[in-house]
Amino acid sequence: TAKDSNGGSVIEAFLTSNAATKQKRRLIIKLGGHFGELSLPTSDLYTVEKCFDACNLKLREAIGNELLDVKADLS
């Protein structure tokens, strides 16, 4: 899963690969609703950052909104 270190590493490798943007976007959409959870502990925030870097503005806004929900926990 994305929450374990191996799952996060697989996601990060995929998002930084030469895979089609459309495929990356599909993965990010599937992870939607879980970015706040994925960012905790903050050591897993790198996976969320890679998702953020790989997506368009609309998806970035969605990720940002999810992170706002856990803002206090990220501090």
PDB file of N, CA and C in Angstrom:
ATOM      1  N   THR A   1       0.836  -1.194   0.000  1.00  0.00           N
ATOM      2  CA  THR A   1       0.000   0.000   0.000  1.00  0.00           C
ATOM      3  C   THR A   1       0.871   1.244   0.000  1.00  0.00           C
ATOM      4  N   ALA A   2       0.266   2.355  -0.293  1.00  0.00           N
ATOM      5  CA  ALA A   2       1.003   3.619  -0.333  1.00  0.00           C
ATOM      6  C   ALA A   2       1.497   4.026   1.050  1.00  0.00           C
ATOM      7  N   LYS A   3       0.837   3.532   2.100  1.00  0.00           N
ATOM      8  CA  LYS A   3       1.224   3.946   3.450  1.00  0.00           C
ATOM      9  C   LYS A   3       2.481   3.264   3.960  1.00  0.00           C
ATOM     10  N   ASP A   4       2.872   2.131   3.378  1.00  0.00           N
ATOM     11  CA  ASP A   4       4.129   1.548   3.825  1.00  0.00           C
ATOM     12  C   ASP A   4       5.262   2.098   2.965  1.00  0.00           C
ATOM     13  N   SER A   5       6.472   2.007   3.475  1.00  0.00           N
ATOM     14  CA  SER A   5       7.600   2.646   2.791  1.00  0.00           C
ATOM     15  C   SER A   5       7.837   2.068   1.402  1.00  0.00           C
ATOM     16  N   ASN A   6       7.619   0.775   1.233  1.00  0.00           N
ATOM     17  CA  ASN A   6       7.804   0.180  -0.088  1.00  0.00           C
ATOM     18  C   ASN A   6       6.752   0.667  -1.074  1.00  0.00           C
ATOM     19  N   GLY A   7       5.512   0.762  -0.613  1.00  0.00           N
ATOM     20  CA  GLY A   7       4.446   1.259  -1.477  1.00  0.00           C
ATOM     21  C   GLY A   7       4.702   2.694  -1.895  1.00  0.00           C
ATOM     22  N   GLY A   8       5.139   3.502  -0.949  1.00  0.00           N
ATOM     23  CA  GLY A   8       5.469   4.890  -1.262  1.00  0.00           C
ATOM     24  C   GLY A   8       6.600   4.986  -2.261  1.00  0.00           C
ATOM     25  N   SER A   9       7.582   4.127  -2.109  1.00  0.00           N
ATOM     26  CA  SER A   9       8.722   4.127  -3.038  1.00  0.00           C
ATOM     27  C   SER A   9       8.291   3.737  -4.443  1.00  0.00           C
ATOM     28  N   VAL A  10       7.377   2.782  -4.545  1.00  0.00           N
ATOM     29  CA  VAL A  10       6.868   2.369  -5.858  1.00  0.00           C
ATOM     30  C   VAL A  10       6.116   3.521  -6.509  1.00  0.00           C
ATOM     31  N   ILE A  11       5.286   4.193  -5.737  1.00  0.00           N
ATOM     32  CA  ILE A  11       4.532   5.332  -6.270  1.00  0.00           C
ATOM     33  C   ILE A  11       5.480   6.431  -6.723  1.00  0.00           C
ATOM     34  N   GLU A  12       6.463   6.747  -5.910  1.00  0.00           N
ATOM     35  CA  GLU A  12       7.431   7.792  -6.262  1.00  0.00           C
ATOM     36  C   GLU A  12       8.189   7.435  -7.532  1.00  0.00           C
ATOM     37  N   ALA A  13       8.602   6.177  -7.658  1.00  0.00           N
ATOM     38  CA  ALA A  13       9.325   5.743  -8.856  1.00  0.00           C
ATOM     39  C   ALA A  13       8.443   5.863 -10.090  1.00  0.00           C
ATOM     40  N   PHE A  14       7.185   5.475  -9.963  1.00  0.00           N
ATOM     41  CA  PHE A  14       6.254   5.579 -11.088  1.00  0.00           C
ATOM     42  C   PHE A  14       6.055   7.034 -11.498  1.00  0.00           C
ATOM     43  N   LEU A  15       5.868   7.906 -10.521  1.00  0.00           N
ATOM     44  CA  LEU A  15       5.590   9.308 -10.825  1.00  0.00           C
ATOM     45  C   LEU A  15       6.792  10.034 -11.415  1.00  0.00           C
ATOM     46  N   THR A  16       7.988   9.553 -11.161  1.00  0.00           N
ATOM     47  CA  THR A  16       9.182  10.189 -11.723  1.00  0.00           C
ATOM     48  C   THR A  16       9.676   9.455 -12.971  1.00  0.00           C
ATOM     49  N   SER A  17       8.933   8.445 -13.398  1.00  0.00           N
ATOM     50  CA  SER A  17       9.319   7.668 -14.579  1.00  0.00           C
ATOM     51  C   SER A  17       8.843   8.367 -15.856  1.00  0.00           C
ATOM     52  N   ASN A  18       9.080   7.720 -16.968  1.00  0.00           N
ATOM     53  CA  ASN A  18       8.631   8.231 -18.267  1.00  0.00           C
ATOM     54  C   ASN A  18       7.224   7.769 -18.616  1.00  0.00           C
ATOM     55  N   ALA A  19       6.484   7.275 -17.640  1.00  0.00           N
ATOM     56  CA  ALA A  19       5.106   6.844 -17.875  1.00  0.00           C
ATOM     57  C   ALA A  19       4.285   8.027 -18.383  1.00  0.00           C
ATOM     58  N   ALA A  20       3.253   7.719 -19.117  1.00  0.00           N
ATOM     59  CA  ALA A  20       2.392   8.757 -19.682  1.00  0.00           C
ATOM     60  C   ALA A  20       1.749   9.587 -18.573  1.00  0.00           C
ATOM     61  N   THR A  21       1.613  10.868 -18.832  1.00  0.00           N
ATOM     62  CA  THR A  21       0.990  11.783 -17.877  1.00  0.00           C
ATOM     63  C   THR A  21      -0.406  11.311 -17.503  1.00  0.00           C
ATOM     64  N   LYS A  22      -1.134  10.784 -18.478  1.00  0.00           N
ATOM     65  CA  LYS A  22      -2.492  10.308 -18.231  1.00  0.00           C
ATOM     66  C   LYS A  22      -2.493   9.174 -17.203  1.00  0.00           C
ATOM     67  N   GLN A  23      -1.526   8.276 -17.281  1.00  0.00           N
ATOM     68  CA  GLN A  23      -1.432   7.177 -16.321  1.00  0.00           C
ATOM     69  C   GLN A  23      -1.103   7.706 -14.926  1.00  0.00           C
ATOM     70  N   LYS A  24      -0.216   8.671 -14.859  1.00  0.00           N
ATOM     71  CA  LYS A  24       0.140   9.260 -13.570  1.00  0.00           C
ATOM     72  C   LYS A  24      -1.070   9.943 -12.951  1.00  0.00           C
ATOM     73  N   ARG A  25      -1.812  10.663 -13.772  1.00  0.00           N
ATOM     74  CA  ARG A  25      -3.000  11.361 -13.291  1.00  0.00           C
ATOM     75  C   ARG A  25      -4.024  10.367 -12.744  1.00  0.00           C
ATOM     76  N   ARG A  26      -4.191   9.238 -13.428  1.00  0.00           N
ATOM     77  CA  ARG A  26      -5.132   8.215 -12.951  1.00  0.00           C
ATOM     78  C   ARG A  26      -4.755   7.720 -11.560  1.00  0.00           C
ATOM     79  N   LEU A  27      -3.482   7.479 -11.342  1.00  0.00           N
ATOM     80  CA  LEU A  27      -3.022   7.028 -10.025  1.00  0.00           C
ATOM     81  C   LEU A  27      -3.308   8.086  -8.967  1.00  0.00           C
ATOM     82  N   ILE A  28      -2.993   9.331  -9.292  1.00  0.00           N
ATOM     83  CA  ILE A  28      -3.198  10.420  -8.330  1.00  0.00           C
ATOM     84  C   ILE A  28      -4.675  10.561  -7.991  1.00  0.00           C
ATOM     85  N   ILE A  29      -5.536  10.415  -8.986  1.00  0.00           N
ATOM     86  CA  ILE A  29      -6.979  10.486  -8.743  1.00  0.00           C
ATOM     87  C   ILE A  29      -7.412   9.357  -7.813  1.00  0.00           C
ATOM     88  N   LYS A  30      -6.871   8.160  -8.015  1.00  0.00           N
ATOM     89  CA  LYS A  30      -7.220   7.025  -7.144  1.00  0.00           C
ATOM     90  C   LYS A  30      -6.770   7.261  -5.700  1.00  0.00           C
ATOM     91  N   LEU A  31      -5.691   7.996  -5.528  1.00  0.00           N
ATOM     92  CA  LEU A  31      -5.198   8.301  -4.180  1.00  0.00           C
ATOM     93  C   LEU A  31      -5.987   9.435  -3.524  1.00  0.00           C
ATOM     94  N   GLY A  32      -6.835  10.086  -4.301  1.00  0.00           N
ATOM     95  CA  GLY A  32      -7.638  11.188  -3.782  1.00  0.00           C
ATOM     96  C   GLY A  32      -8.416  10.777  -2.539  1.00  0.00           C
ATOM     97  N   GLY A  33      -8.480  11.668  -1.593  1.00  0.00           N
ATOM     98  CA  GLY A  33      -9.151  11.395  -0.333  1.00  0.00           C
ATOM     99  C   GLY A  33      -8.227  10.799   0.714  1.00  0.00           C
ATOM    100  N   HIS A  34      -6.985  10.501   0.319  1.00  0.00           N
ATOM    101  CA  HIS A  34      -6.036   9.872   1.234  1.00  0.00           C
ATOM    102  C   HIS A  34      -4.751  10.677   1.420  1.00  0.00           C
ATOM    103  N   PHE A  35      -4.660  11.852   0.809  1.00  0.00           N
ATOM    104  CA  PHE A  35      -3.406  12.603   0.887  1.00  0.00           C
ATOM    105  C   PHE A  35      -3.103  13.100   2.291  1.00  0.00           C
ATOM    106  N   GLY A  36      -4.120  13.479   3.031  1.00  0.00           N
ATOM    107  CA  GLY A  36      -3.899  13.873   4.419  1.00  0.00           C
ATOM    108  C   GLY A  36      -3.338  12.719   5.224  1.00  0.00           C
ATOM    109  N   GLU A  37      -3.926  11.556   5.051  1.00  0.00           N
ATOM    110  CA  GLU A  37      -3.471  10.341   5.731  1.00  0.00           C
ATOM    111  C   GLU A  37      -2.061   9.954   5.280  1.00  0.00           C
ATOM    112  N   LEU A  38      -1.786  10.089   3.976  1.00  0.00           N
ATOM    113  CA  LEU A  38      -0.463   9.737   3.447  1.00  0.00           C
ATOM    114  C   LEU A  38       0.626  10.679   3.935  1.00  0.00           C
ATOM    115  N   SER A  39       0.256  11.885   4.287  1.00  0.00           N
ATOM    116  CA  SER A  39       1.260  12.860   4.718  1.00  0.00           C
ATOM    117  C   SER A  39       1.677  12.664   6.174  1.00  0.00           C
ATOM    118  N   LEU A  40       1.001  11.779   6.873  1.00  0.00           N
ATOM    119  CA  LEU A  40       1.309  11.510   8.277  1.00  0.00           C
ATOM    120  C   LEU A  40       1.815  10.093   8.420  1.00  0.00           C
ATOM    121  N   PRO A  41       2.937   9.807   8.959  1.00  0.00           N
ATOM    122  CA  PRO A  41       3.893  10.763   9.494  1.00  0.00           C
ATOM    123  C   PRO A  41       4.525  11.585   8.374  1.00  0.00           C
ATOM    124  N   THR A  42       5.105  12.696   8.748  1.00  0.00           N
ATOM    125  CA  THR A  42       5.646  13.614   7.745  1.00  0.00           C
ATOM    126  C   THR A  42       6.769  12.994   6.929  1.00  0.00           C
ATOM    127  N   SER A  43       7.324  11.881   7.367  1.00  0.00           N
ATOM    128  CA  SER A  43       8.348  11.200   6.566  1.00  0.00           C
ATOM    129  C   SER A  43       7.760  10.680   5.260  1.00  0.00           C
ATOM    130  N   ASP A  44       6.438  10.460   5.219  1.00  0.00           N
ATOM    131  CA  ASP A  44       5.769  10.014   4.001  1.00  0.00           C
ATOM    132  C   ASP A  44       5.311  11.180   3.135  1.00  0.00           C
ATOM    133  N   LEU A  45       5.568  12.382   3.571  1.00  0.00           N
ATOM    134  CA  LEU A  45       5.147  13.562   2.826  1.00  0.00           C
ATOM    135  C   LEU A  45       5.811  13.637   1.459  1.00  0.00           C
ATOM    136  N   TYR A  46       6.960  13.001   1.302  1.00  0.00           N
ATOM    137  CA  TYR A  46       7.674  13.008   0.024  1.00  0.00           C
ATOM    138  C   TYR A  46       6.819  12.372  -1.076  1.00  0.00           C
ATOM    139  N   THR A  47       6.071  11.334  -0.748  1.00  0.00           N
ATOM    140  CA  THR A  47       5.179  10.699  -1.722  1.00  0.00           C
ATOM    141  C   THR A  47       4.104  11.681  -2.157  1.00  0.00           C
ATOM    142  N   VAL A  48       3.539  12.395  -1.209  1.00  0.00           N
ATOM    143  CA  VAL A  48       2.516  13.393  -1.525  1.00  0.00           C
ATOM    144  C   VAL A  48       3.121  14.497  -2.389  1.00  0.00           C
ATOM    145  N   GLU A  49       4.345  14.904  -2.074  1.00  0.00           N
ATOM    146  CA  GLU A  49       5.027  15.934  -2.859  1.00  0.00           C
ATOM    147  C   GLU A  49       5.212  15.480  -4.304  1.00  0.00           C
ATOM    148  N   LYS A  50       5.586  14.231  -4.513  1.00  0.00           N
ATOM    149  CA  LYS A  50       5.762  13.705  -5.868  1.00  0.00           C
ATOM    150  C   LYS A  50       4.436  13.694  -6.618  1.00  0.00           C
ATOM    151  N   CYS A  51       3.361  13.364  -5.932  1.00  0.00           N
ATOM    152  CA  CYS A  51       2.033  13.419  -6.553  1.00  0.00           C
ATOM    153  C   CYS A  51       1.705  14.848  -6.953  1.00  0.00           C
ATOM    154  N   PHE A  52       1.964  15.773  -6.051  1.00  0.00           N
ATOM    155  CA  PHE A  52       1.696  17.187  -6.303  1.00  0.00           C
ATOM    156  C   PHE A  52       2.464  17.670  -7.530  1.00  0.00           C
ATOM    157  N   ASP A  53       3.732  17.301  -7.616  1.00  0.00           N
ATOM    158  CA  ASP A  53       4.572  17.732  -8.733  1.00  0.00           C
ATOM    159  C   ASP A  53       4.119  17.150 -10.067  1.00  0.00           C
ATOM    160  N   ALA A  54       3.471  15.991 -10.033  1.00  0.00           N
ATOM    161  CA  ALA A  54       3.122  15.282 -11.265  1.00  0.00           C
ATOM    162  C   ALA A  54       1.723  15.599 -11.788  1.00  0.00           C
ATOM    163  N   CYS A  55       0.984  16.463 -11.112  1.00  0.00           N
ATOM    164  CA  CYS A  55      -0.399  16.663 -11.536  1.00  0.00           C
ATOM    165  C   CYS A  55      -0.680  18.101 -11.965  1.00  0.00           C
ATOM    166  N   ASN A  56      -1.891  18.277 -12.473  1.00  0.00           N
ATOM    167  CA  ASN A  56      -2.313  19.587 -12.963  1.00  0.00           C
ATOM    168  C   ASN A  56      -2.857  20.446 -11.816  1.00  0.00           C
ATOM    169  N   LEU A  57      -3.213  21.668 -12.138  1.00  0.00           N
ATOM    170  CA  LEU A  57      -3.652  22.630 -11.125  1.00  0.00           C
ATOM    171  C   LEU A  57      -4.872  22.146 -10.346  1.00  0.00           C
ATOM    172  N   LYS A  58      -5.842  21.576 -11.045  1.00  0.00           N
ATOM    173  CA  LYS A  58      -7.062  21.115 -10.378  1.00  0.00           C
ATOM    174  C   LYS A  58      -6.737  20.051  -9.322  1.00  0.00           C
ATOM    175  N   LEU A  59      -5.888  19.098  -9.678  1.00  0.00           N
ATOM    176  CA  LEU A  59      -5.515  18.059  -8.714  1.00  0.00           C
ATOM    177  C   LEU A  59      -4.642  18.621  -7.600  1.00  0.00           C
ATOM    178  N   ARG A  60      -3.813  19.607  -7.914  1.00  0.00           N
ATOM    179  CA  ARG A  60      -2.994  20.245  -6.878  1.00  0.00           C
ATOM    180  C   ARG A  60      -3.875  20.923  -5.842  1.00  0.00           C
ATOM    181  N   GLU A  61      -4.928  21.570  -6.308  1.00  0.00           N
ATOM    182  CA  GLU A  61      -5.862  22.210  -5.382  1.00  0.00           C
ATOM    183  C   GLU A  61      -6.526  21.170  -4.484  1.00  0.00           C
ATOM    184  N   ALA A  62      -6.895  20.035  -5.060  1.00  0.00           N
ATOM    185  CA  ALA A  62      -7.531  18.972  -4.277  1.00  0.00           C
ATOM    186  C   ALA A  62      -6.567  18.436  -3.216  1.00  0.00           C
ATOM    187  N   ILE A  63      -5.313  18.221  -3.602  1.00  0.00           N
ATOM    188  CA  ILE A  63      -4.312  17.745  -2.641  1.00  0.00           C
ATOM    189  C   ILE A  63      -4.120  18.785  -1.542  1.00  0.00           C
ATOM    190  N   GLY A  64      -4.005  20.050  -1.934  1.00  0.00           N
ATOM    191  CA  GLY A  64      -3.834  21.125  -0.956  1.00  0.00           C
ATOM    192  C   GLY A  64      -4.978  21.186   0.034  1.00  0.00           C
ATOM    193  N   ASN A  65      -6.199  21.024  -0.455  1.00  0.00           N
ATOM    194  CA  ASN A  65      -7.362  21.039   0.433  1.00  0.00           C
ATOM    195  C   ASN A  65      -7.327  19.878   1.422  1.00  0.00           C
ATOM    196  N   GLU A  66      -6.884  18.721   0.954  1.00  0.00           N
ATOM    197  CA  GLU A  66      -6.776  17.575   1.863  1.00  0.00           C
ATOM    198  C   GLU A  66      -5.713  17.820   2.930  1.00  0.00           C
ATOM    199  N   LEU A  67      -4.625  18.457   2.540  1.00  0.00           N
ATOM    200  CA  LEU A  67      -3.558  18.739   3.504  1.00  0.00           C
ATOM    201  C   LEU A  67      -3.991  19.786   4.521  1.00  0.00           C
ATOM    202  N   LEU A  68      -4.859  20.703   4.100  1.00  0.00           N
ATOM    203  CA  LEU A  68      -5.372  21.696   5.050  1.00  0.00           C
ATOM    204  C   LEU A  68      -6.118  21.029   6.200  1.00  0.00           C
ATOM    205  N   ASP A  69      -6.773  19.913   5.897  1.00  0.00           N
ATOM    206  CA  ASP A  69      -7.518  19.201   6.934  1.00  0.00           C
ATOM    207  C   ASP A  69      -6.613  18.630   8.021  1.00  0.00           C
ATOM    208  N   VAL A  70      -5.344  18.398   7.700  1.00  0.00           N
ATOM    209  CA  VAL A  70      -4.403  17.834   8.686  1.00  0.00           C
ATOM    210  C   VAL A  70      -3.285  18.823   9.015  1.00  0.00           C
ATOM    211  N   LYS A  71      -3.541  20.091   8.736  1.00  0.00           N
ATOM    212  CA  LYS A  71      -2.525  21.132   8.927  1.00  0.00           C
ATOM    213  C   LYS A  71      -1.938  21.116  10.338  1.00  0.00           C
ATOM    214  N   ALA A  72      -2.781  21.012  11.330  1.00  0.00           N
ATOM    215  CA  ALA A  72      -2.304  21.025  12.718  1.00  0.00           C
ATOM    216  C   ALA A  72      -1.388  19.836  12.997  1.00  0.00           C
ATOM    217  N   ASP A  73      -1.687  18.700  12.397  1.00  0.00           N
ATOM    218  CA  ASP A  73      -0.867  17.502  12.613  1.00  0.00           C
ATOM    219  C   ASP A  73       0.465  17.578  11.883  1.00  0.00           C
ATOM    220  N   LEU A  74       0.547  18.400  10.841  1.00  0.00           N
ATOM    221  CA  LEU A  74       1.781  18.532  10.069  1.00  0.00           C
ATOM    222  C   LEU A  74       2.769  19.487  10.720  1.00  0.00           C
ATOM    223  N   SER A  75       2.278  20.307  11.639  1.00  0.00           N
ATOM    224  CA  SER A  75       3.141  21.306  12.285  1.00  0.00           C
ATOM    225  C   SER A  75       4.085  20.688  13.283  1.00  0.00           C
TER     226      SER A  75
END
